[in-house]
Amino acid sequence: MLWWHYLTIAIVAEVIATSALKMSDGFTKWPPLIVMAIGFLIAFFCLSMVMRTTPIGIIYAIWSGLGIVLITLIGTFIFKQQVDLIGLFGIALIVVGVIVIGAFSNSIPS
């Protein structure tokens, strides 16, 4: 499996786990708590597989950056949370940073 397959799985699993953490209501609801635990286990396993071949700083920047964007979208559309203009600007900077890393970094294996 290619490194970006593992990274994609790690990002999706982390976003699901973080959403389940919100739904667990402070660890008081068991079904989301179980989803959260499994999601984070999958996310960290896949992240560790990516780190075998790719520098930790590059991978962590992509993983956390895309996770922030996806969690913000879930927060907005599922949890009905609002992001102000400054928040959107900051998230746009994160997206630009991830694009720059992906497009121009020589540290990412092909």
PDB file of N, CA and C in Angstrom:
ATOM      1  N   MET A   1       0.857  -1.179   0.000  1.00  0.00           N
ATOM      2  CA  MET A   1       0.000   0.000   0.000  1.00  0.00           C
ATOM      3  C   MET A   1       0.900   1.238   0.000  1.00  0.00           C
ATOM      4  N   LEU A   2       0.562   2.216  -0.799  1.00  0.00           N
ATOM      5  CA  LEU A   2       1.338   3.434  -0.882  1.00  0.00           C
ATOM      6  C   LEU A   2       1.156   4.288   0.365  1.00  0.00           C
ATOM      7  N   TRP A   3       2.142   5.140   0.645  1.00  0.00           N
ATOM      8  CA  TRP A   3       2.119   5.942   1.863  1.00  0.00           C
ATOM      9  C   TRP A   3       0.884   6.835   1.929  1.00  0.00           C
ATOM     10  N   TRP A   4       0.437   7.363   0.796  1.00  0.00           N
ATOM     11  CA  TRP A   4      -0.709   8.275   0.843  1.00  0.00           C
ATOM     12  C   TRP A   4      -2.020   7.541   1.072  1.00  0.00           C
ATOM     13  N   HIS A   5      -2.057   6.223   0.774  1.00  0.00           N
ATOM     14  CA  HIS A   5      -3.248   5.442   1.141  1.00  0.00           C
ATOM     15  C   HIS A   5      -3.369   5.376   2.659  1.00  0.00           C
ATOM     16  N   TYR A   6      -2.239   5.042   3.302  1.00  0.00           N
ATOM     17  CA  TYR A   6      -2.238   5.003   4.766  1.00  0.00           C
ATOM     18  C   TYR A   6      -2.571   6.372   5.353  1.00  0.00           C
ATOM     19  N   LEU A   7      -2.024   7.423   4.764  1.00  0.00           N
ATOM     20  CA  LEU A   7      -2.285   8.767   5.274  1.00  0.00           C
ATOM     21  C   LEU A   7      -3.760   9.134   5.127  1.00  0.00           C
ATOM     22  N   THR A   8      -4.365   8.786   4.016  1.00  0.00           N
ATOM     23  CA  THR A   8      -5.790   9.061   3.811  1.00  0.00           C
ATOM     24  C   THR A   8      -6.638   8.319   4.845  1.00  0.00           C
ATOM     25  N   ILE A   9      -6.320   7.058   5.072  1.00  0.00           N
ATOM     26  CA  ILE A   9      -7.049   6.277   6.077  1.00  0.00           C
ATOM     27  C   ILE A   9      -6.859   6.898   7.460  1.00  0.00           C
ATOM     28  N   ALA A  10      -5.628   7.315   7.766  1.00  0.00           N
ATOM     29  CA  ALA A  10      -5.344   7.931   9.066  1.00  0.00           C
ATOM     30  C   ALA A  10      -6.154   9.207   9.262  1.00  0.00           C
ATOM     31  N   ILE A  11      -6.239  10.026   8.230  1.00  0.00           N
ATOM     32  CA  ILE A  11      -6.986  11.288   8.338  1.00  0.00           C
ATOM     33  C   ILE A  11      -8.473  11.019   8.521  1.00  0.00           C
ATOM     34  N   VAL A  12      -9.021  10.125   7.721  1.00  0.00           N
ATOM     35  CA  VAL A  12     -10.458   9.814   7.823  1.00  0.00           C
ATOM     36  C   VAL A  12     -10.781   9.203   9.191  1.00  0.00           C
ATOM     37  N   ALA A  13      -9.940   8.274   9.642  1.00  0.00           N
ATOM     38  CA  ALA A  13     -10.169   7.639  10.951  1.00  0.00           C
ATOM     39  C   ALA A  13     -10.074   8.658  12.085  1.00  0.00           C
ATOM     40  N   GLU A  14      -9.129   9.587  11.981  1.00  0.00           N
ATOM     41  CA  GLU A  14      -8.979  10.615  13.020  1.00  0.00           C
ATOM     42  C   GLU A  14     -10.175  11.553  13.037  1.00  0.00           C
ATOM     43  N   VAL A  15     -10.683  11.914  11.884  1.00  0.00           N
ATOM     44  CA  VAL A  15     -11.847  12.802  11.811  1.00  0.00           C
ATOM     45  C   VAL A  15     -13.085  12.103  12.375  1.00  0.00           C
ATOM     46  N   ILE A  16     -13.265  10.836  12.054  1.00  0.00           N
ATOM     47  CA  ILE A  16     -14.380  10.065  12.621  1.00  0.00           C
ATOM     48  C   ILE A  16     -14.233   9.962  14.134  1.00  0.00           C
ATOM     49  N   ALA A  17     -13.028   9.669  14.598  1.00  0.00           N
ATOM     50  CA  ALA A  17     -12.788   9.529  16.037  1.00  0.00           C
ATOM     51  C   ALA A  17     -13.022  10.848  16.773  1.00  0.00           C
ATOM     52  N   THR A  18     -12.580  11.943  16.202  1.00  0.00           N
ATOM     53  CA  THR A  18     -12.778  13.244  16.841  1.00  0.00           C
ATOM     54  C   THR A  18     -14.258  13.612  16.884  1.00  0.00           C
ATOM     55  N   SER A  19     -14.982  13.299  15.827  1.00  0.00           N
ATOM     56  CA  SER A  19     -16.431  13.545  15.815  1.00  0.00           C
ATOM     57  C   SER A  19     -17.127  12.690  16.871  1.00  0.00           C
ATOM     58  N   ALA A  20     -16.698  11.439  16.983  1.00  0.00           N
ATOM     59  CA  ALA A  20     -17.273  10.557  18.004  1.00  0.00           C
ATOM     60  C   ALA A  20     -16.940  11.051  19.410  1.00  0.00           C
ATOM     61  N   LEU A  21     -15.753  11.620  19.580  1.00  0.00           N
ATOM     62  CA  LEU A  21     -15.378  12.187  20.882  1.00  0.00           C
ATOM     63  C   LEU A  21     -16.357  13.290  21.269  1.00  0.00           C
ATOM     64  N   LYS A  22     -16.709  14.141  20.325  1.00  0.00           N
ATOM     65  CA  LYS A  22     -17.697  15.186  20.583  1.00  0.00           C
ATOM     66  C   LYS A  22     -19.043  14.573  20.968  1.00  0.00           C
ATOM     67  N   MET A  23     -19.439  13.509  20.256  1.00  0.00           N
ATOM     68  CA  MET A  23     -20.732  12.875  20.519  1.00  0.00           C
ATOM     69  C   MET A  23     -20.749  12.053  21.801  1.00  0.00           C
ATOM     70  N   SER A  24     -19.562  11.739  22.341  1.00  0.00           N
ATOM     71  CA  SER A  24     -19.523  10.932  23.576  1.00  0.00           C
ATOM     72  C   SER A  24     -19.928  11.728  24.809  1.00  0.00           C
ATOM     73  N   ASP A  25     -20.066  13.042  24.657  1.00  0.00           N
ATOM     74  CA  ASP A  25     -20.533  13.906  25.740  1.00  0.00           C
ATOM     75  C   ASP A  25     -19.700  13.722  27.004  1.00  0.00           C
ATOM     76  N   GLY A  26     -18.395  13.931  26.849  1.00  0.00           N
ATOM     77  CA  GLY A  26     -17.506  13.825  28.004  1.00  0.00           C
ATOM     78  C   GLY A  26     -17.331  12.404  28.501  1.00  0.00           C
ATOM     79  N   PHE A  27     -17.241  11.457  27.594  1.00  0.00           N
ATOM     80  CA  PHE A  27     -17.063  10.030  27.901  1.00  0.00           C
ATOM     81  C   PHE A  27     -18.267   9.437  28.640  1.00  0.00           C
ATOM     82  N   THR A  28     -19.457   9.976  28.428  1.00  0.00           N
ATOM     83  CA  THR A  28     -20.639   9.455  29.129  1.00  0.00           C
ATOM     84  C   THR A  28     -21.518   8.571  28.251  1.00  0.00           C
ATOM     85  N   LYS A  29     -21.268   8.563  26.941  1.00  0.00           N
ATOM     86  CA  LYS A  29     -22.060   7.736  26.028  1.00  0.00           C
ATOM     87  C   LYS A  29     -21.143   6.698  25.393  1.00  0.00           C
ATOM     88  N   TRP A  30     -21.450   5.427  25.623  1.00  0.00           N
ATOM     89  CA  TRP A  30     -20.571   4.337  25.225  1.00  0.00           C
ATOM     90  C   TRP A  30     -20.425   4.111  23.726  1.00  0.00           C
ATOM     91  N   PRO A  31     -21.492   4.107  22.939  1.00  0.00           N
ATOM     92  CA  PRO A  31     -21.289   3.831  21.506  1.00  0.00           C
ATOM     93  C   PRO A  31     -20.304   4.794  20.822  1.00  0.00           C
ATOM     94  N   PRO A  32     -20.441   6.121  21.013  1.00  0.00           N
ATOM     95  CA  PRO A  32     -19.452   6.994  20.385  1.00  0.00           C
ATOM     96  C   PRO A  32     -18.055   6.830  20.994  1.00  0.00           C
ATOM     97  N   LEU A  33     -17.997   6.468  22.255  1.00  0.00           N
ATOM     98  CA  LEU A  33     -16.711   6.254  22.909  1.00  0.00           C
ATOM     99  C   LEU A  33     -15.972   5.072  22.282  1.00  0.00           C
ATOM    100  N   ILE A  34     -16.695   4.021  21.964  1.00  0.00           N
ATOM    101  CA  ILE A  34     -16.091   2.852  21.310  1.00  0.00           C
ATOM    102  C   ILE A  34     -15.630   3.218  19.895  1.00  0.00           C
ATOM    103  N   VAL A  35     -16.457   3.960  19.157  1.00  0.00           N
ATOM    104  CA  VAL A  35     -16.078   4.418  17.813  1.00  0.00           C
ATOM    105  C   VAL A  35     -14.822   5.280  17.902  1.00  0.00           C
ATOM    106  N   MET A  36     -14.771   6.149  18.901  1.00  0.00           N
ATOM    107  CA  MET A  36     -13.623   7.018  19.088  1.00  0.00           C
ATOM    108  C   MET A  36     -12.341   6.209  19.318  1.00  0.00           C
ATOM    109  N   ALA A  37     -12.401   5.240  20.207  1.00  0.00           N
ATOM    110  CA  ALA A  37     -11.218   4.435  20.520  1.00  0.00           C
ATOM    111  C   ALA A  37     -10.728   3.664  19.293  1.00  0.00           C
ATOM    112  N   ILE A  38     -11.638   3.045  18.586  1.00  0.00           N
ATOM    113  CA  ILE A  38     -11.259   2.286  17.391  1.00  0.00           C
ATOM    114  C   ILE A  38     -10.712   3.236  16.320  1.00  0.00           C
ATOM    115  N   GLY A  39     -11.359   4.379  16.148  1.00  0.00           N
ATOM    116  CA  GLY A  39     -10.911   5.352  15.153  1.00  0.00           C
ATOM    117  C   GLY A  39      -9.504   5.850  15.424  1.00  0.00           C
ATOM    118  N   PHE A  40      -9.206   6.177  16.686  1.00  0.00           N
ATOM    119  CA  PHE A  40      -7.862   6.657  17.003  1.00  0.00           C
ATOM    120  C   PHE A  40      -6.819   5.546  16.869  1.00  0.00           C
ATOM    121  N   LEU A  41      -7.179   4.316  17.211  1.00  0.00           N
ATOM    122  CA  LEU A  41      -6.241   3.201  17.019  1.00  0.00           C
ATOM    123  C   LEU A  41      -5.899   3.033  15.532  1.00  0.00           C
ATOM    124  N   ILE A  42      -6.906   3.062  14.686  1.00  0.00           N
ATOM    125  CA  ILE A  42      -6.668   2.944  13.241  1.00  0.00           C
ATOM    126  C   ILE A  42      -5.838   4.125  12.749  1.00  0.00           C
ATOM    127  N   ALA A  43      -6.192   5.334  13.186  1.00  0.00           N
ATOM    128  CA  ALA A  43      -5.489   6.534  12.734  1.00  0.00           C
ATOM    129  C   ALA A  43      -4.008   6.475  13.100  1.00  0.00           C
ATOM    130  N   PHE A  44      -3.705   6.127  14.343  1.00  0.00           N
ATOM    131  CA  PHE A  44      -2.305   6.118  14.766  1.00  0.00           C
ATOM    132  C   PHE A  44      -1.530   4.956  14.170  1.00  0.00           C
ATOM    133  N   PHE A  45      -2.187   3.825  13.945  1.00  0.00           N
ATOM    134  CA  PHE A  45      -1.508   2.719  13.268  1.00  0.00           C
ATOM    135  C   PHE A  45      -1.121   3.144  11.857  1.00  0.00           C
ATOM    136  N   CYS A  46      -2.081   3.692  11.118  1.00  0.00           N
ATOM    137  CA  CYS A  46      -1.801   4.104   9.736  1.00  0.00           C
ATOM    138  C   CYS A  46      -0.771   5.226   9.695  1.00  0.00           C
ATOM    139  N   LEU A  47      -0.850   6.143  10.635  1.00  0.00           N
ATOM    140  CA  LEU A  47       0.132   7.215  10.697  1.00  0.00           C
ATOM    141  C   LEU A  47       1.533   6.658  10.944  1.00  0.00           C
ATOM    142  N   SER A  48       1.628   5.650  11.794  1.00  0.00           N
ATOM    143  CA  SER A  48       2.940   5.041  12.059  1.00  0.00           C
ATOM    144  C   SER A  48       3.491   4.334  10.820  1.00  0.00           C
ATOM    145  N   MET A  49       2.612   3.781   9.998  1.00  0.00           N
ATOM    146  CA  MET A  49       3.053   3.141   8.765  1.00  0.00           C
ATOM    147  C   MET A  49       3.608   4.178   7.783  1.00  0.00           C
ATOM    148  N   VAL A  50       2.976   5.333   7.714  1.00  0.00           N
ATOM    149  CA  VAL A  50       3.445   6.397   6.830  1.00  0.00           C
ATOM    150  C   VAL A  50       4.810   6.909   7.287  1.00  0.00           C
ATOM    151  N   MET A  51       5.001   6.970   8.590  1.00  0.00           N
ATOM    152  CA  MET A  51       6.244   7.512   9.127  1.00  0.00           C
ATOM    153  C   MET A  51       7.452   6.620   8.874  1.00  0.00           C
ATOM    154  N   ARG A  52       7.229   5.424   8.378  1.00  0.00           N
ATOM    155  CA  ARG A  52       8.354   4.558   8.002  1.00  0.00           C
ATOM    156  C   ARG A  52       9.133   5.128   6.830  1.00  0.00           C
ATOM    157  N   THR A  53       8.448   5.834   5.949  1.00  0.00           N
ATOM    158  CA  THR A  53       9.089   6.282   4.707  1.00  0.00           C
ATOM    159  C   THR A  53       9.095   7.793   4.517  1.00  0.00           C
ATOM    160  N   THR A  54       8.369   8.516   5.329  1.00  0.00           N
ATOM    161  CA  THR A  54       8.196   9.946   5.103  1.00  0.00           C
ATOM    162  C   THR A  54       8.526  10.713   6.384  1.00  0.00           C
ATOM    163  N   PRO A  55       9.180  11.853   6.274  1.00  0.00           N
ATOM    164  CA  PRO A  55       9.544  12.632   7.462  1.00  0.00           C
ATOM    165  C   PRO A  55       8.331  13.002   8.320  1.00  0.00           C
ATOM    166  N   ILE A  56       8.503  12.897   9.615  1.00  0.00           N
ATOM    167  CA  ILE A  56       7.417  13.113  10.565  1.00  0.00           C
ATOM    168  C   ILE A  56       6.813  14.514  10.457  1.00  0.00           C
ATOM    169  N   GLY A  57       7.634  15.527  10.263  1.00  0.00           N
ATOM    170  CA  GLY A  57       7.128  16.890  10.181  1.00  0.00           C
ATOM    171  C   GLY A  57       6.218  17.103   8.992  1.00  0.00           C
ATOM    172  N   ILE A  58       6.596  16.542   7.861  1.00  0.00           N
ATOM    173  CA  ILE A  58       5.787  16.681   6.645  1.00  0.00           C
ATOM    174  C   ILE A  58       4.456  15.955   6.820  1.00  0.00           C
ATOM    175  N   ILE A  59       4.524  14.717   7.283  1.00  0.00           N
ATOM    176  CA  ILE A  59       3.306  13.919   7.454  1.00  0.00           C
ATOM    177  C   ILE A  59       2.385  14.525   8.498  1.00  0.00           C
ATOM    178  N   TYR A  60       2.957  14.964   9.616  1.00  0.00           N
ATOM    179  CA  TYR A  60       2.123  15.536  10.673  1.00  0.00           C
ATOM    180  C   TYR A  60       1.456  16.822  10.207  1.00  0.00           C
ATOM    181  N   ALA A  61       2.160  17.629   9.418  1.00  0.00           N
ATOM    182  CA  ALA A  61       1.566  18.862   8.897  1.00  0.00           C
ATOM    183  C   ALA A  61       0.372  18.553   7.994  1.00  0.00           C
ATOM    184  N   ILE A  62       0.529  17.578   7.119  1.00  0.00           N
ATOM    185  CA  ILE A  62      -0.570  17.205   6.218  1.00  0.00           C
ATOM    186  C   ILE A  62      -1.720  16.599   7.007  1.00  0.00           C
ATOM    187  N   TRP A  63      -1.398  15.662   7.908  1.00  0.00           N
ATOM    188  CA  TRP A  63      -2.421  14.971   8.701  1.00  0.00           C
ATOM    189  C   TRP A  63      -3.227  15.953   9.553  1.00  0.00           C
ATOM    190  N   SER A  64      -2.534  16.780  10.287  1.00  0.00           N
ATOM    191  CA  SER A  64      -3.248  17.703  11.168  1.00  0.00           C
ATOM    192  C   SER A  64      -3.951  18.800  10.379  1.00  0.00           C
ATOM    193  N   GLY A  65      -3.310  19.294   9.309  1.00  0.00           N
ATOM    194  CA  GLY A  65      -3.927  20.353   8.511  1.00  0.00           C
ATOM    195  C   GLY A  65      -5.227  19.920   7.868  1.00  0.00           C
ATOM    196  N   LEU A  66      -5.202  18.773   7.211  1.00  0.00           N
ATOM    197  CA  LEU A  66      -6.438  18.286   6.582  1.00  0.00           C
ATOM    198  C   LEU A  66      -7.471  17.879   7.626  1.00  0.00           C
ATOM    199  N   GLY A  67      -6.996  17.358   8.753  1.00  0.00           N
ATOM    200  CA  GLY A  67      -7.919  17.030   9.842  1.00  0.00           C
ATOM    201  C   GLY A  67      -8.640  18.263  10.365  1.00  0.00           C
ATOM    202  N   ILE A  68      -7.905  19.361  10.519  1.00  0.00           N
ATOM    203  CA  ILE A  68      -8.509  20.613  10.984  1.00  0.00           C
ATOM    204  C   ILE A  68      -9.590  21.081  10.016  1.00  0.00           C
ATOM    205  N   VAL A  69      -9.288  21.038   8.739  1.00  0.00           N
ATOM    206  CA  VAL A  69     -10.255  21.483   7.735  1.00  0.00           C
ATOM    207  C   VAL A  69     -11.511  20.604   7.766  1.00  0.00           C
ATOM    208  N   LEU A  70     -11.320  19.295   7.781  1.00  0.00           N
ATOM    209  CA  LEU A  70     -12.472  18.383   7.774  1.00  0.00           C
ATOM    210  C   LEU A  70     -13.295  18.497   9.058  1.00  0.00           C
ATOM    211  N   ILE A  71     -12.629  18.608  10.203  1.00  0.00           N
ATOM    212  CA  ILE A  71     -13.357  18.753  11.467  1.00  0.00           C
ATOM    213  C   ILE A  71     -14.117  20.075  11.500  1.00  0.00           C
ATOM    214  N   THR A  72     -13.547  21.111  10.934  1.00  0.00           N
ATOM    215  CA  THR A  72     -14.263  22.392  10.870  1.00  0.00           C
ATOM    216  C   THR A  72     -15.525  22.260  10.018  1.00  0.00           C
ATOM    217  N   LEU A  73     -15.422  21.559   8.898  1.00  0.00           N
ATOM    218  CA  LEU A  73     -16.602  21.339   8.058  1.00  0.00           C
ATOM    219  C   LEU A  73     -17.653  20.519   8.794  1.00  0.00           C
ATOM    220  N   ILE A  74     -17.237  19.476   9.493  1.00  0.00           N
ATOM    221  CA  ILE A  74     -18.184  18.664  10.266  1.00  0.00           C
ATOM    222  C   ILE A  74     -18.810  19.492  11.381  1.00  0.00           C
ATOM    223  N   GLY A  75     -17.989  20.281  12.059  1.00  0.00           N
ATOM    224  CA  GLY A  75     -18.516  21.150  13.109  1.00  0.00           C
ATOM    225  C   GLY A  75     -19.556  22.113  12.574  1.00  0.00           C
ATOM    226  N   THR A  76     -19.313  22.638  11.381  1.00  0.00           N
ATOM    227  CA  THR A  76     -20.232  23.599  10.783  1.00  0.00           C
ATOM    228  C   THR A  76     -21.528  22.942  10.327  1.00  0.00           C
ATOM    229  N   PHE A  77     -21.420  21.824   9.605  1.00  0.00           N
ATOM    230  CA  PHE A  77     -22.612  21.251   8.978  1.00  0.00           C
ATOM    231  C   PHE A  77     -23.337  20.211   9.829  1.00  0.00           C
ATOM    232  N   ILE A  78     -22.633  19.519  10.702  1.00  0.00           N
ATOM    233  CA  ILE A  78     -23.294  18.492  11.520  1.00  0.00           C
ATOM    234  C   ILE A  78     -23.615  19.016  12.921  1.00  0.00           C
ATOM    235  N   PHE A  79     -22.640  19.694  13.544  1.00  0.00           N
ATOM    236  CA  PHE A  79     -22.839  20.172  14.916  1.00  0.00           C
ATOM    237  C   PHE A  79     -23.349  21.614  14.973  1.00  0.00           C
ATOM    238  N   LYS A  80     -23.575  22.227  13.807  1.00  0.00           N
ATOM    239  CA  LYS A  80     -24.143  23.572  13.693  1.00  0.00           C
ATOM    240  C   LYS A  80     -23.315  24.622  14.451  1.00  0.00           C
ATOM    241  N   GLN A  81     -21.996  24.482  14.392  1.00  0.00           N
ATOM    242  CA  GLN A  81     -21.100  25.454  15.006  1.00  0.00           C
ATOM    243  C   GLN A  81     -20.696  26.480  13.955  1.00  0.00           C
ATOM    244  N   GLN A  82     -20.429  27.689  14.392  1.00  0.00           N
ATOM    245  CA  GLN A  82     -20.089  28.749  13.458  1.00  0.00           C
ATOM    246  C   GLN A  82     -18.605  29.093  13.549  1.00  0.00           C
ATOM    247  N   VAL A  83     -18.026  29.408  12.398  1.00  0.00           N
ATOM    248  CA  VAL A  83     -16.643  29.858  12.319  1.00  0.00           C
ATOM    249  C   VAL A  83     -16.670  31.294  11.815  1.00  0.00           C
ATOM    250  N   ASP A  84     -15.979  32.188  12.524  1.00  0.00           N
ATOM    251  CA  ASP A  84     -15.976  33.584  12.082  1.00  0.00           C
ATOM    252  C   ASP A  84     -14.982  33.799  10.938  1.00  0.00           C
ATOM    253  N   LEU A  85     -14.942  35.014  10.433  1.00  0.00           N
ATOM    254  CA  LEU A  85     -14.117  35.333   9.275  1.00  0.00           C
ATOM    255  C   LEU A  85     -12.629  35.108   9.556  1.00  0.00           C
ATOM    256  N   ILE A  86     -12.178  35.463  10.724  1.00  0.00           N
ATOM    257  CA  ILE A  86     -10.766  35.251  11.081  1.00  0.00           C
ATOM    258  C   ILE A  86     -10.453  33.758  11.133  1.00  0.00           C
ATOM    259  N   GLY A  87     -11.370  32.970  11.669  1.00  0.00           N
ATOM    260  CA  GLY A  87     -11.195  31.516  11.692  1.00  0.00           C
ATOM    261  C   GLY A  87     -11.098  30.943  10.286  1.00  0.00           C
ATOM    262  N   LEU A  88     -11.964  31.405   9.399  1.00  0.00           N
ATOM    263  CA  LEU A  88     -11.921  30.943   8.006  1.00  0.00           C
ATOM    264  C   LEU A  88     -10.611  31.334   7.328  1.00  0.00           C
ATOM    265  N   PHE A  89     -10.122  32.530   7.633  1.00  0.00           N
ATOM    266  CA  PHE A  89      -8.853  32.977   7.067  1.00  0.00           C
ATOM    267  C   PHE A  89      -7.712  32.075   7.547  1.00  0.00           C
ATOM    268  N   GLY A  90      -7.704  31.753   8.837  1.00  0.00           N
ATOM    269  CA  GLY A  90      -6.679  30.862   9.380  1.00  0.00           C
ATOM    270  C   GLY A  90      -6.732  29.486   8.752  1.00  0.00           C
ATOM    271  N   ILE A  91      -7.924  28.966   8.559  1.00  0.00           N
ATOM    272  CA  ILE A  91      -8.078  27.652   7.933  1.00  0.00           C
ATOM    273  C   ILE A  91      -7.625  27.699   6.479  1.00  0.00           C
ATOM    274  N   ALA A  92      -7.898  28.807   5.791  1.00  0.00           N
ATOM    275  CA  ALA A  92      -7.431  28.957   4.413  1.00  0.00           C
ATOM    276  C   ALA A  92      -5.901  28.938   4.366  1.00  0.00           C
ATOM    277  N   LEU A  93      -5.259  29.557   5.339  1.00  0.00           N
ATOM    278  CA  LEU A  93      -3.794  29.519   5.407  1.00  0.00           C
ATOM    279  C   LEU A  93      -3.290  28.093   5.610  1.00  0.00           C
ATOM    280  N   ILE A  94      -4.001  27.314   6.412  1.00  0.00           N
ATOM    281  CA  ILE A  94      -3.624  25.911   6.622  1.00  0.00           C
ATOM    282  C   ILE A  94      -3.727  25.147   5.305  1.00  0.00           C
ATOM    283  N   VAL A  95      -4.811  25.358   4.571  1.00  0.00           N
ATOM    284  CA  VAL A  95      -4.998  24.681   3.276  1.00  0.00           C
ATOM    285  C   VAL A  95      -3.869  25.056   2.327  1.00  0.00           C
ATOM    286  N   VAL A  96      -3.538  26.330   2.263  1.00  0.00           N
ATOM    287  CA  VAL A  96      -2.443  26.768   1.395  1.00  0.00           C
ATOM    288  C   VAL A  96      -1.140  26.097   1.823  1.00  0.00           C
ATOM    289  N   GLY A  97      -0.898  26.010   3.116  1.00  0.00           N
ATOM    290  CA  GLY A  97       0.312  25.354   3.609  1.00  0.00           C
ATOM    291  C   GLY A  97       0.386  23.896   3.210  1.00  0.00           C
ATOM    292  N   VAL A  98      -0.712  23.182   3.315  1.00  0.00           N
ATOM    293  CA  VAL A  98      -0.737  21.769   2.916  1.00  0.00           C
ATOM    294  C   VAL A  98      -0.496  21.638   1.411  1.00  0.00           C
ATOM    295  N   ILE A  99      -1.085  22.529   0.633  1.00  0.00           N
ATOM    296  CA  ILE A  99      -0.870  22.495  -0.822  1.00  0.00           C
ATOM    297  C   ILE A  99       0.600  22.765  -1.152  1.00  0.00           C
ATOM    298  N   VAL A 100       1.196  23.736  -0.498  1.00  0.00           N
ATOM    299  CA  VAL A 100       2.609  24.061  -0.736  1.00  0.00           C
ATOM    300  C   VAL A 100       3.494  22.868  -0.387  1.00  0.00           C
ATOM    301  N   ILE A 101       3.227  22.228   0.744  1.00  0.00           N
ATOM    302  CA  ILE A 101       4.015  21.055   1.140  1.00  0.00           C
ATOM    303  C   ILE A 101       3.874  19.953   0.085  1.00  0.00           C
ATOM    304  N   GLY A 102       2.638  19.671  -0.299  1.00  0.00           N
ATOM    305  CA  GLY A 102       2.410  18.604  -1.273  1.00  0.00           C
ATOM    306  C   GLY A 102       3.006  18.883  -2.634  1.00  0.00           C
ATOM    307  N   ALA A 103       2.972  20.127  -3.042  1.00  0.00           N
ATOM    308  CA  ALA A 103       3.417  20.471  -4.398  1.00  0.00           C
ATOM    309  C   ALA A 103       4.928  20.691  -4.512  1.00  0.00           C
ATOM    310  N   PHE A 104       5.548  21.188  -3.444  1.00  0.00           N
ATOM    311  CA  PHE A 104       6.924  21.631  -3.574  1.00  0.00           C
ATOM    312  C   PHE A 104       7.940  20.935  -2.680  1.00  0.00           C
ATOM    313  N   SER A 105       7.505  20.136  -1.728  1.00  0.00           N
ATOM    314  CA  SER A 105       8.471  19.495  -0.826  1.00  0.00           C
ATOM    315  C   SER A 105       9.176  18.335  -1.508  1.00  0.00           C
ATOM    316  N   ASN A 106      10.470  18.301  -1.386  1.00  0.00           N
ATOM    317  CA  ASN A 106      11.271  17.187  -1.908  1.00  0.00           C
ATOM    318  C   ASN A 106      11.371  16.055  -0.882  1.00  0.00           C
ATOM    319  N   SER A 107      10.806  16.255   0.306  1.00  0.00           N
ATOM    320  CA  SER A 107      10.877  15.260   1.367  1.00  0.00           C
ATOM    321  C   SER A 107       9.840  14.148   1.219  1.00  0.00           C
ATOM    322  N   ILE A 108       8.845  14.374   0.374  1.00  0.00           N
ATOM    323  CA  ILE A 108       7.765  13.404   0.219  1.00  0.00           C
ATOM    324  C   ILE A 108       8.190  12.368  -0.832  1.00  0.00           C
ATOM    325  N   PRO A 109       8.126  11.083  -0.459  1.00  0.00           N
ATOM    326  CA  PRO A 109       8.494  10.047  -1.452  1.00  0.00           C
ATOM    327  C   PRO A 109       7.471   9.989  -2.574  1.00  0.00           C
ATOM    328  N   SER A 110       7.923   9.584  -3.738  1.00  0.00           N
ATOM    329  CA  SER A 110       6.991   9.484  -4.879  1.00  0.00           C
ATOM    330  C   SER A 110       6.350   8.126  -4.954  1.00  0.00           C
TER     331      SER A 110
END
